[in-house]
Amino acid sequence: MPASSFPLLAVDIGNTSTVLGLADESLTLTHTWRVRTNRDMLPDDVALQLHGLFALAGAAVPRSAVLSSVAPPVGQNYALALWRHFGVEPFEVSAENLPDVTVELDQPGSVGADRLCNLFGAERYLDAHEYAVVVDFGTSTNFDVIGRGRRFIGGILATGAQVSADALFARAAKLPRIALEAPRTAIGKNTVHALQSGLVFGYAEMVDGLLRRIRAELPGPAVAVATGGFARTVEGICREIDHYDETLTLRGLVELWASRGPQTSAVQERSNP
């Protein structure tokens, strides 16, 4: 890729949080940030936020960008902010503009952009395996089943751990809100302990059980990789997960962009008056 395309800004917009990163010519992430996804921010607000993040880190402004969004209005505002204030037109991820990816769903266009990024991020784990399963712990917990040759085979969508906890607290007024962290033992000796056991150990067992079911349905062995905010909470608890990779989705965005070739790496700058 030409040096004039860097820094590259990767933006992964989720329902709860937005993760951003700057990558250099070696496609290495040099800076990363996590901010709350705010549907009320207009393009100028987004530009101010971006300027602030770059200034605080002492980072250069991006020369190109790639964007994944599951919150369409927010994605549009980021794209407008990047064009108007940085002169960059981002490559926006969708199944329609990834011709080398085979989406084996009943409706291929319905696959989330973040799940396509996970496909690219998981490719490095396919060296010794025909299949990979990415467990992405976000607002929902997604199980993305990926096959060698950039095949998105399908997956599972489950309620996220924090969403489950919030629903429980909302329905049971006497239960205290707790931190989602693993207790020392499964058998609780008080309400907080018992809740942590059910929410963390119970969730980990659900993840392990679904991974076993997925592996039983695949014709070959699969490596399981966890990412997302809750992944570190269940690290060492989930027995079926092989690797934990906090930057898998963001790195997948960078590698997806690089795989598009020179036509997507060109910086589209506005003419100065």
C-alpha atoms as a PDB file:
ATOM      1  CA  MET A   1       0.000   0.000   0.000  1.00  0.00           C
ATOM      2  CA  PRO A   2       1.289   3.517  -0.727  1.00  0.00           C
ATOM      3  CA  ALA A   3       2.673   5.386   2.270  1.00  0.00           C
ATOM      4  CA  SER A   4       0.297   8.256   1.476  1.00  0.00           C
ATOM      5  CA  SER A   5      -2.603   6.057   2.619  1.00  0.00           C
ATOM      6  CA  PHE A   6      -1.443   6.050   6.236  1.00  0.00           C
ATOM      7  CA  PRO A   7      -2.280   6.528   9.026  1.00  0.00           C
ATOM      8  CA  LEU A   8      -5.342   4.371   8.396  1.00  0.00           C
ATOM      9  CA  LEU A   9      -8.291   4.902  10.741  1.00  0.00           C
ATOM     10  CA  ALA A  10     -10.368   1.808  11.540  1.00  0.00           C
ATOM     11  CA  VAL A  11     -13.768   2.429  13.140  1.00  0.00           C
ATOM     12  CA  ASP A  12     -15.916  -0.380  14.571  1.00  0.00           C
ATOM     13  CA  ILE A  13     -19.302   1.030  15.654  1.00  0.00           C
ATOM     14  CA  GLY A  14     -21.268  -1.258  17.952  1.00  0.00           C
ATOM     15  CA  ASN A  15     -24.568  -0.761  19.713  1.00  0.00           C
ATOM     16  CA  THR A  16     -22.948   0.102  23.049  1.00  0.00           C
ATOM     17  CA  SER A  17     -19.394   1.184  22.278  1.00  0.00           C
ATOM     18  CA  THR A  18     -17.305   2.297  19.332  1.00  0.00           C
ATOM     19  CA  VAL A  19     -13.712   1.088  18.993  1.00  0.00           C
ATOM     20  CA  LEU A  20     -11.253   3.079  16.906  1.00  0.00           C
ATOM     21  CA  GLY A  21      -7.662   2.473  15.921  1.00  0.00           C
ATOM     22  CA  LEU A  22      -4.891   4.000  13.827  1.00  0.00           C
ATOM     23  CA  ALA A  23      -2.691   1.667  11.787  1.00  0.00           C
ATOM     24  CA  ASP A  24       0.683   2.383  10.178  1.00  0.00           C
ATOM     25  CA  GLU A  25       2.274   1.172   6.923  1.00  0.00           C
ATOM     26  CA  SER A  26       2.935  -2.267   8.431  1.00  0.00           C
ATOM     27  CA  LEU A  27      -0.808  -2.557   9.244  1.00  0.00           C
ATOM     28  CA  THR A  28       0.050  -2.481  12.937  1.00  0.00           C
ATOM     29  CA  LEU A  29      -2.373  -0.738  15.277  1.00  0.00           C
ATOM     30  CA  THR A  30      -0.424   2.098  16.901  1.00  0.00           C
ATOM     31  CA  HIS A  31      -3.304   3.694  18.825  1.00  0.00           C
ATOM     32  CA  THR A  32      -6.674   2.377  19.964  1.00  0.00           C
ATOM     33  CA  TRP A  33      -9.632   4.014  21.712  1.00  0.00           C
ATOM     34  CA  ARG A  34     -13.010   2.872  23.019  1.00  0.00           C
ATOM     35  CA  VAL A  35     -15.827   5.431  23.325  1.00  0.00           C
ATOM     36  CA  ARG A  36     -19.540   5.182  23.994  1.00  0.00           C
ATOM     37  CA  THR A  37     -21.729   4.893  20.899  1.00  0.00           C
ATOM     38  CA  ASN A  38     -23.850   8.045  20.941  1.00  0.00           C
ATOM     39  CA  ARG A  39     -26.717   8.155  18.451  1.00  0.00           C
ATOM     40  CA  ASP A  40     -27.301  11.853  19.164  1.00  0.00           C
ATOM     41  CA  MET A  41     -23.898  12.999  17.886  1.00  0.00           C
ATOM     42  CA  LEU A  42     -23.990  14.909  14.605  1.00  0.00           C
ATOM     43  CA  PRO A  43     -21.096  14.840  12.085  1.00  0.00           C
ATOM     44  CA  ASP A  44     -19.521  17.986  13.565  1.00  0.00           C
ATOM     45  CA  ASP A  45     -19.714  16.449  17.054  1.00  0.00           C
ATOM     46  CA  VAL A  46     -17.998  13.327  15.752  1.00  0.00           C
ATOM     47  CA  ALA A  47     -15.260  15.439  14.124  1.00  0.00           C
ATOM     48  CA  LEU A  48     -14.615  17.231  17.419  1.00  0.00           C
ATOM     49  CA  GLN A  49     -14.372  13.902  19.208  1.00  0.00           C
ATOM     50  CA  LEU A  50     -11.929  12.541  16.628  1.00  0.00           C
ATOM     51  CA  HIS A  51      -9.776  15.673  16.733  1.00  0.00           C
ATOM     52  CA  GLY A  52      -9.669  15.397  20.531  1.00  0.00           C
ATOM     53  CA  LEU A  53      -8.617  11.740  20.478  1.00  0.00           C
ATOM     54  CA  PHE A  54      -5.836  12.365  17.952  1.00  0.00           C
ATOM     55  CA  ALA A  55      -4.610  15.450  19.817  1.00  0.00           C
ATOM     56  CA  LEU A  56      -4.527  13.708  23.213  1.00  0.00           C
ATOM     57  CA  ALA A  57      -2.485  10.836  21.759  1.00  0.00           C
ATOM     58  CA  GLY A  58      -0.223  13.084  19.703  1.00  0.00           C
ATOM     59  CA  ALA A  59      -1.263  11.080  16.639  1.00  0.00           C
ATOM     60  CA  ALA A  60      -1.341  12.238  13.032  1.00  0.00           C
ATOM     61  CA  VAL A  61      -4.730  12.661  11.409  1.00  0.00           C
ATOM     62  CA  PRO A  62      -5.816   9.769   9.153  1.00  0.00           C
ATOM     63  CA  ARG A  63      -5.191   9.724   5.409  1.00  0.00           C
ATOM     64  CA  SER A  64      -7.671   6.894   4.786  1.00  0.00           C
ATOM     65  CA  ALA A  65     -10.346   5.056   6.748  1.00  0.00           C
ATOM     66  CA  VAL A  66     -12.373   1.851   6.938  1.00  0.00           C
ATOM     67  CA  LEU A  67     -15.668   1.717   8.800  1.00  0.00           C
ATOM     68  CA  SER A  68     -17.891  -1.036  10.171  1.00  0.00           C
ATOM     69  CA  SER A  69     -21.231  -0.129  11.733  1.00  0.00           C
ATOM     70  CA  VAL A  70     -24.224  -1.982  13.175  1.00  0.00           C
ATOM     71  CA  ALA A  71     -25.840   1.358  14.083  1.00  0.00           C
ATOM     72  CA  PRO A  72     -26.542   2.911  10.645  1.00  0.00           C
ATOM     73  CA  PRO A  73     -27.209   6.539  11.691  1.00  0.00           C
ATOM     74  CA  VAL A  74     -23.968   6.625  13.675  1.00  0.00           C
ATOM     75  CA  GLY A  75     -22.011   5.103  10.809  1.00  0.00           C
ATOM     76  CA  GLN A  76     -23.352   7.714   8.416  1.00  0.00           C
ATOM     77  CA  ASN A  77     -22.343  10.515  10.782  1.00  0.00           C
ATOM     78  CA  TYR A  78     -18.808   9.141  11.107  1.00  0.00           C
ATOM     79  CA  ALA A  79     -18.537   8.869   7.319  1.00  0.00           C
ATOM     80  CA  LEU A  80     -19.723  12.471   6.892  1.00  0.00           C
ATOM     81  CA  ALA A  81     -17.364  13.729   9.598  1.00  0.00           C
ATOM     82  CA  LEU A  82     -14.383  12.015   7.976  1.00  0.00           C
ATOM     83  CA  TRP A  83     -15.237  13.418   4.557  1.00  0.00           C
ATOM     84  CA  ARG A  84     -16.078  16.975   5.603  1.00  0.00           C
ATOM     85  CA  HIS A  85     -13.323  17.536   8.174  1.00  0.00           C
ATOM     86  CA  PHE A  86     -10.500  15.176   7.149  1.00  0.00           C
ATOM     87  CA  GLY A  87     -11.032  14.863   3.398  1.00  0.00           C
ATOM     88  CA  VAL A  88     -11.262  11.082   3.691  1.00  0.00           C
ATOM     89  CA  GLU A  89     -13.982   8.885   2.221  1.00  0.00           C
ATOM     90  CA  PRO A  90     -14.064   5.677   4.301  1.00  0.00           C
ATOM     91  CA  PHE A  91     -14.482   2.210   2.873  1.00  0.00           C
ATOM     92  CA  GLU A  92     -17.731   0.992   4.458  1.00  0.00           C
ATOM     93  CA  VAL A  93     -17.891  -2.752   5.098  1.00  0.00           C
ATOM     94  CA  SER A  94     -20.818  -4.812   3.803  1.00  0.00           C
ATOM     95  CA  ALA A  95     -21.318  -8.241   2.245  1.00  0.00           C
ATOM     96  CA  GLU A  96     -22.025  -6.564  -1.094  1.00  0.00           C
ATOM     97  CA  ASN A  97     -18.551  -5.015  -1.441  1.00  0.00           C
ATOM     98  CA  LEU A  98     -16.539  -8.080  -0.412  1.00  0.00           C
ATOM     99  CA  PRO A  99     -16.672 -10.285  -3.519  1.00  0.00           C
ATOM    100  CA  ASP A 100     -14.016 -12.682  -2.205  1.00  0.00           C
ATOM    101  CA  VAL A 101     -16.138 -13.536   0.854  1.00  0.00           C
ATOM    102  CA  THR A 102     -18.769 -16.272   0.596  1.00  0.00           C
ATOM    103  CA  VAL A 103     -21.663 -15.689   2.995  1.00  0.00           C
ATOM    104  CA  GLU A 104     -23.507 -18.990   3.396  1.00  0.00           C
ATOM    105  CA  LEU A 105     -26.688 -17.536   4.893  1.00  0.00           C
ATOM    106  CA  ASP A 106     -30.263 -17.615   3.607  1.00  0.00           C
ATOM    107  CA  GLN A 107     -30.008 -13.840   3.167  1.00  0.00           C
ATOM    108  CA  PRO A 108     -26.302 -13.016   2.684  1.00  0.00           C
ATOM    109  CA  GLY A 109     -26.867  -9.267   2.855  1.00  0.00           C
ATOM    110  CA  SER A 110     -28.170  -9.544   6.410  1.00  0.00           C
ATOM    111  CA  VAL A 111     -24.797 -10.415   7.951  1.00  0.00           C
ATOM    112  CA  GLY A 112     -23.487  -7.703  10.261  1.00  0.00           C
ATOM    113  CA  ALA A 113     -20.428  -5.737   9.153  1.00  0.00           C
ATOM    114  CA  ASP A 114     -18.660  -6.512  12.439  1.00  0.00           C
ATOM    115  CA  ARG A 115     -19.018 -10.234  11.782  1.00  0.00           C
ATOM    116  CA  LEU A 116     -17.313  -9.847   8.410  1.00  0.00           C
ATOM    117  CA  CYS A 117     -14.469  -8.027  10.161  1.00  0.00           C
ATOM    118  CA  ASN A 118     -14.194 -10.965  12.567  1.00  0.00           C
ATOM    119  CA  LEU A 119     -13.790 -13.270   9.570  1.00  0.00           C
ATOM    120  CA  PHE A 120     -10.682 -11.373   8.447  1.00  0.00           C
ATOM    121  CA  GLY A 121      -9.370 -11.049  12.010  1.00  0.00           C
ATOM    122  CA  ALA A 122      -9.661 -14.802  12.556  1.00  0.00           C
ATOM    123  CA  GLU A 123      -7.746 -15.831   9.438  1.00  0.00           C
ATOM    124  CA  ARG A 124      -4.420 -15.963  11.278  1.00  0.00           C
ATOM    125  CA  TYR A 125      -5.870 -18.689  13.546  1.00  0.00           C
ATOM    126  CA  LEU A 126      -6.793 -20.961  10.628  1.00  0.00           C
ATOM    127  CA  ASP A 127      -3.227 -22.174   9.999  1.00  0.00           C
ATOM    128  CA  ALA A 128      -3.813 -25.581  11.536  1.00  0.00           C
ATOM    129  CA  HIS A 129      -7.606 -25.658  11.326  1.00  0.00           C
ATOM    130  CA  GLU A 130     -10.239 -25.737   8.619  1.00  0.00           C
ATOM    131  CA  TYR A 131     -12.690 -23.771  10.768  1.00  0.00           C
ATOM    132  CA  ALA A 132     -12.706 -21.021  13.374  1.00  0.00           C
ATOM    133  CA  VAL A 133     -15.409 -19.831  15.736  1.00  0.00           C
ATOM    134  CA  VAL A 134     -15.181 -16.234  16.923  1.00  0.00           C
ATOM    135  CA  VAL A 135     -17.072 -15.567  20.156  1.00  0.00           C
ATOM    136  CA  ASP A 136     -17.641 -11.816  20.197  1.00  0.00           C
ATOM    137  CA  PHE A 137     -18.805 -10.615  23.606  1.00  0.00           C
ATOM    138  CA  GLY A 138     -20.680  -7.366  23.001  1.00  0.00           C
ATOM    139  CA  THR A 139     -24.210  -6.092  23.582  1.00  0.00           C
ATOM    140  CA  SER A 140     -25.136  -9.464  22.135  1.00  0.00           C
ATOM    141  CA  THR A 141     -22.753 -12.401  22.144  1.00  0.00           C
ATOM    142  CA  ASN A 142     -22.136 -13.544  18.568  1.00  0.00           C
ATOM    143  CA  PHE A 143     -20.706 -16.906  17.587  1.00  0.00           C
ATOM    144  CA  ASP A 144     -19.283 -16.500  14.067  1.00  0.00           C
ATOM    145  CA  VAL A 145     -18.451 -19.756  12.284  1.00  0.00           C
ATOM    146  CA  ILE A 146     -15.770 -19.215   9.648  1.00  0.00           C
ATOM    147  CA  GLY A 147     -14.308 -21.607   7.104  1.00  0.00           C
ATOM    148  CA  ARG A 148     -11.008 -21.512   5.258  1.00  0.00           C
ATOM    149  CA  GLY A 149     -11.262 -19.575   2.008  1.00  0.00           C
ATOM    150  CA  ARG A 150     -13.168 -16.638   3.559  1.00  0.00           C
ATOM    151  CA  ARG A 151     -16.394 -18.540   4.104  1.00  0.00           C
ATOM    152  CA  PHE A 152     -18.874 -17.136   6.597  1.00  0.00           C
ATOM    153  CA  ILE A 153     -20.796 -20.309   7.404  1.00  0.00           C
ATOM    154  CA  GLY A 154     -23.261 -19.023   9.985  1.00  0.00           C
ATOM    155  CA  GLY A 155     -23.469 -18.601  13.705  1.00  0.00           C
ATOM    156  CA  ILE A 156     -25.429 -18.043  16.871  1.00  0.00           C
ATOM    157  CA  LEU A 157     -26.722 -14.849  18.471  1.00  0.00           C
ATOM    158  CA  ALA A 158     -27.198 -14.809  22.240  1.00  0.00           C
ATOM    159  CA  THR A 159     -28.060 -12.123  24.749  1.00  0.00           C
ATOM    160  CA  GLY A 160     -24.988 -10.345  26.085  1.00  0.00           C
ATOM    161  CA  ALA A 161     -23.940 -10.889  29.689  1.00  0.00           C
ATOM    162  CA  GLN A 162     -24.532  -7.271  30.724  1.00  0.00           C
ATOM    163  CA  VAL A 163     -27.937  -7.198  29.009  1.00  0.00           C
ATOM    164  CA  SER A 164     -28.925 -10.346  30.919  1.00  0.00           C
ATOM    165  CA  ALA A 165     -27.777  -8.787  34.179  1.00  0.00           C
ATOM    166  CA  ASP A 166     -29.627  -5.519  33.505  1.00  0.00           C
ATOM    167  CA  ALA A 167     -32.846  -7.406  32.715  1.00  0.00           C
ATOM    168  CA  LEU A 168     -32.563  -9.349  35.968  1.00  0.00           C
ATOM    169  CA  PHE A 169     -31.962  -6.229  38.059  1.00  0.00           C
ATOM    170  CA  ALA A 170     -34.856  -4.426  36.362  1.00  0.00           C
ATOM    171  CA  ARG A 171     -37.313  -7.239  37.121  1.00  0.00           C
ATOM    172  CA  ALA A 172     -36.146  -7.961  40.666  1.00  0.00           C
ATOM    173  CA  ALA A 173     -36.077  -4.683  42.567  1.00  0.00           C
ATOM    174  CA  LYS A 174     -34.525  -6.152  45.721  1.00  0.00           C
ATOM    175  CA  LEU A 175     -31.473  -7.559  43.952  1.00  0.00           C
ATOM    176  CA  PRO A 176     -28.398  -5.312  44.142  1.00  0.00           C
ATOM    177  CA  ARG A 177     -26.521  -4.256  41.039  1.00  0.00           C
ATOM    178  CA  ILE A 178     -23.163  -5.995  41.041  1.00  0.00           C
ATOM    179  CA  ALA A 179     -19.883  -6.009  39.160  1.00  0.00           C
ATOM    180  CA  LEU A 180     -19.746  -8.806  36.603  1.00  0.00           C
ATOM    181  CA  GLU A 181     -16.713 -10.650  37.911  1.00  0.00           C
ATOM    182  CA  ALA A 182     -16.097 -14.258  38.844  1.00  0.00           C
ATOM    183  CA  PRO A 183     -16.452 -15.195  42.525  1.00  0.00           C
ATOM    184  CA  ARG A 184     -14.037 -17.586  44.211  1.00  0.00           C
ATOM    185  CA  THR A 185     -16.515 -20.478  44.321  1.00  0.00           C
ATOM    186  CA  ALA A 186     -19.672 -21.474  42.509  1.00  0.00           C
ATOM    187  CA  ILE A 187     -21.712 -21.935  45.704  1.00  0.00           C
ATOM    188  CA  GLY A 188     -22.690 -18.494  46.911  1.00  0.00           C
ATOM    189  CA  LYS A 189     -22.703 -17.527  50.585  1.00  0.00           C
ATOM    190  CA  ASN A 190     -24.474 -14.192  50.075  1.00  0.00           C
ATOM    191  CA  THR A 191     -26.636 -12.498  47.463  1.00  0.00           C
ATOM    192  CA  VAL A 192     -23.787 -10.752  45.634  1.00  0.00           C
ATOM    193  CA  HIS A 193     -21.708 -13.924  45.516  1.00  0.00           C
ATOM    194  CA  ALA A 194     -24.688 -15.973  44.285  1.00  0.00           C
ATOM    195  CA  LEU A 195     -25.507 -13.445  41.564  1.00  0.00           C
ATOM    196  CA  GLN A 196     -21.904 -13.325  40.359  1.00  0.00           C
ATOM    197  CA  SER A 197     -21.814 -17.102  40.206  1.00  0.00           C
ATOM    198  CA  GLY A 198     -24.995 -17.337  38.164  1.00  0.00           C
ATOM    199  CA  LEU A 199     -24.180 -14.476  35.823  1.00  0.00           C
ATOM    200  CA  VAL A 200     -20.499 -15.265  35.210  1.00  0.00           C
ATOM    201  CA  PHE A 201     -20.162 -19.027  35.688  1.00  0.00           C
ATOM    202  CA  GLY A 202     -23.615 -19.612  34.208  1.00  0.00           C
ATOM    203  CA  TYR A 203     -22.753 -17.508  31.180  1.00  0.00           C
ATOM    204  CA  ALA A 204     -19.425 -19.277  30.726  1.00  0.00           C
ATOM    205  CA  GLU A 205     -21.195 -22.644  30.763  1.00  0.00           C
ATOM    206  CA  MET A 206     -23.609 -21.401  28.094  1.00  0.00           C
ATOM    207  CA  VAL A 207     -20.659 -20.349  25.916  1.00  0.00           C
ATOM    208  CA  ASP A 208     -18.905 -23.685  26.409  1.00  0.00           C
ATOM    209  CA  GLY A 209     -22.077 -25.623  25.655  1.00  0.00           C
ATOM    210  CA  LEU A 210     -22.764 -23.751  22.430  1.00  0.00           C
ATOM    211  CA  LEU A 211     -19.151 -24.156  21.294  1.00  0.00           C
ATOM    212  CA  ARG A 212     -19.428 -27.921  21.858  1.00  0.00           C
ATOM    213  CA  ARG A 213     -22.614 -28.013  19.777  1.00  0.00           C
ATOM    214  CA  ILE A 214     -21.003 -25.992  16.967  1.00  0.00           C
ATOM    215  CA  ARG A 215     -17.933 -28.232  16.902  1.00  0.00           C
ATOM    216  CA  ALA A 216     -20.135 -31.346  16.813  1.00  0.00           C
ATOM    217  CA  GLU A 217     -21.882 -30.037  13.670  1.00  0.00           C
ATOM    218  CA  LEU A 218     -18.701 -29.155  11.765  1.00  0.00           C
ATOM    219  CA  PRO A 219     -16.964 -31.801   9.621  1.00  0.00           C
ATOM    220  CA  GLY A 220     -13.523 -30.839  10.943  1.00  0.00           C
ATOM    221  CA  PRO A 221     -11.841 -29.373  14.036  1.00  0.00           C
ATOM    222  CA  ALA A 222     -12.407 -25.703  14.834  1.00  0.00           C
ATOM    223  CA  VAL A 223     -10.334 -23.215  16.815  1.00  0.00           C
ATOM    224  CA  ALA A 224     -12.319 -20.899  19.107  1.00  0.00           C
ATOM    225  CA  VAL A 225     -11.251 -17.277  19.603  1.00  0.00           C
ATOM    226  CA  ALA A 226     -12.870 -14.831  22.035  1.00  0.00           C
ATOM    227  CA  THR A 227     -12.999 -11.062  21.678  1.00  0.00           C
ATOM    228  CA  GLY A 228     -15.086  -8.187  23.020  1.00  0.00           C
ATOM    229  CA  GLY A 229     -15.464  -6.474  26.364  1.00  0.00           C
ATOM    230  CA  PHE A 230     -16.618  -9.463  28.452  1.00  0.00           C
ATOM    231  CA  ALA A 231     -14.020 -11.864  27.053  1.00  0.00           C
ATOM    232  CA  ARG A 232     -11.436 -11.147  29.760  1.00  0.00           C
ATOM    233  CA  THR A 233     -14.005 -11.808  32.491  1.00  0.00           C
ATOM    234  CA  VAL A 234     -14.483 -15.391  31.329  1.00  0.00           C
ATOM    235  CA  GLU A 235     -10.824 -15.987  30.446  1.00  0.00           C
ATOM    236  CA  GLY A 236      -9.706 -19.111  32.251  1.00  0.00           C
ATOM    237  CA  ILE A 237     -13.341 -20.014  33.029  1.00  0.00           C
ATOM    238  CA  CYS A 238     -14.526 -21.018  29.556  1.00  0.00           C
ATOM    239  CA  ARG A 239     -12.889 -24.355  28.784  1.00  0.00           C
ATOM    240  CA  GLU A 240     -13.752 -24.415  25.081  1.00  0.00           C
ATOM    241  CA  ILE A 241     -12.047 -21.135  24.081  1.00  0.00           C
ATOM    242  CA  ASP A 242      -8.507 -21.493  22.735  1.00  0.00           C
ATOM    243  CA  HIS A 243      -7.407 -17.853  22.294  1.00  0.00           C
ATOM    244  CA  TYR A 244      -8.342 -14.398  23.579  1.00  0.00           C
ATOM    245  CA  ASP A 245      -7.774 -11.508  21.173  1.00  0.00           C
ATOM    246  CA  GLU A 246      -8.992  -8.086  22.300  1.00  0.00           C
ATOM    247  CA  THR A 247      -8.213  -6.392  18.978  1.00  0.00           C
ATOM    248  CA  LEU A 248      -9.493  -9.117  16.655  1.00  0.00           C
ATOM    249  CA  THR A 249     -12.370  -7.097  15.151  1.00  0.00           C
ATOM    250  CA  LEU A 250     -10.335  -3.898  14.778  1.00  0.00           C
ATOM    251  CA  ARG A 251      -7.366  -5.760  13.312  1.00  0.00           C
ATOM    252  CA  GLY A 252      -9.787  -7.564  11.012  1.00  0.00           C
ATOM    253  CA  LEU A 253     -11.003  -4.183   9.761  1.00  0.00           C
ATOM    254  CA  VAL A 254      -7.426  -3.190   8.924  1.00  0.00           C
ATOM    255  CA  GLU A 255      -6.688  -6.473   7.155  1.00  0.00           C
ATOM    256  CA  LEU A 256     -10.007  -6.335   5.303  1.00  0.00           C
ATOM    257  CA  TRP A 257      -9.129  -2.860   4.022  1.00  0.00           C
ATOM    258  CA  ALA A 258      -5.643  -3.962   2.957  1.00  0.00           C
ATOM    259  CA  SER A 259      -7.057  -6.953   1.075  1.00  0.00           C
ATOM    260  CA  ARG A 260      -9.166  -4.683  -1.140  1.00  0.00           C
ATOM    261  CA  GLY A 261      -6.097  -3.543  -3.065  1.00  0.00           C
ATOM    262  CA  PRO A 262      -4.984  -0.110  -4.311  1.00  0.00           C
ATOM    263  CA  GLN A 263      -8.466   1.028  -5.312  1.00  0.00           C
ATOM    264  CA  THR A 264      -9.581   1.306  -1.703  1.00  0.00           C
ATOM    265  CA  SER A 265      -6.289   2.582  -0.317  1.00  0.00           C
ATOM    266  CA  ALA A 266      -6.330   5.761  -2.352  1.00  0.00           C
ATOM    267  CA  VAL A 267      -7.058   8.835  -0.252  1.00  0.00           C
ATOM    268  CA  GLN A 268      -9.932  10.881  -1.572  1.00  0.00           C
ATOM    269  CA  GLU A 269      -9.200  14.447  -0.556  1.00  0.00           C
ATOM    270  CA  ARG A 270     -11.270  17.510  -1.200  1.00  0.00           C
ATOM    271  CA  SER A 271      -9.668  20.203  -3.292  1.00  0.00           C
ATOM    272  CA  ASN A 272      -8.461  23.127  -1.222  1.00  0.00           C
ATOM    273  CA  PRO A 273     -10.098  26.406  -2.188  1.00  0.00           C
END
